[in-house]
Amino acid sequence: MSKEPAGVWNYVRGFENLSLCDWPGRSTCIIFLGGCNLHCPTCHNFELAWDMNALPPMDPVRIKAYIRDRAGWLDGITVTGGEPTIVPGVAELLFEIKKFGLPIKMDTNGMRPEVIKELLEYKLVDAFAVDIKGPWYKYPSLTGNAVSEIAAQANLARIFELAKANPEAFYFRTTQVPDLTDKDLAIAQAYLPLGYELTIQKFVPPRRKPEHAKPNHEERRPAGNVVN
């Protein structure tokens, strides 16, 4: 029986060797971290987000060897989830993979701005892709009642301040799930600091879904293996 990795690496429950579309203009590998502070009914990685132990842990030695051996032709590393900012010791993982000399992008829902600020200050993340779920008043329904309208607005206001101070380090996106109208998207766009455009991701029905779950919005799921 294989031994589970200790510490932050135990949260690594998926790895994708190569993506040409996850970070616009770059070829990246993707590290998937388990756990999330939201419960969005349209979650594309529901198993990873809400029950990461249903997925086997990845071998950190193999992941680091893969990145080391291919650092010359990769343009970066994406760290996603789940929600990476809630993972204990995520800075330790970022510090380790930063040693390979590749820029790092992190996907986040923006609900932990204090963590994002710290990772930015310590230069552990080069770019943040922040998901704007929709208008503030729809956040409770869009997040499974995990975030109130007031909390969403307050947390993302702090993110927008960071983005104004570090314009090269942020971009914003939303997925037009069935609950969102064109008017909702226009409202969300108006929240962004001057100069930013909201990237609209198309809703894609899932290939599979858990029992009783609503349709999710992306086809991609964590890969189960690392190619040597």
Foldseek 3Di string as FASTA:
>chain_A
DDDQDDDLLNQFQFKALWDCPPDDPWIEIETEGAAALFAFLQDPANCRHPPSVVGGGDDPVLVLVSCLVCVVRGQAYEYEYRALLVGPPSLVVLVVSCVSVHAYEYEHQQLCLVSVVVCVVVVSHQAYEHEDAWQLCCVCNRGVNSDHSVSSLVRVVSVLVVCVVPVRHYAYEYECDVVDDPVRLVNSQVSHPPPYGYHYHYADFEPDDDPPGDTHGDHDYGDRDDDD
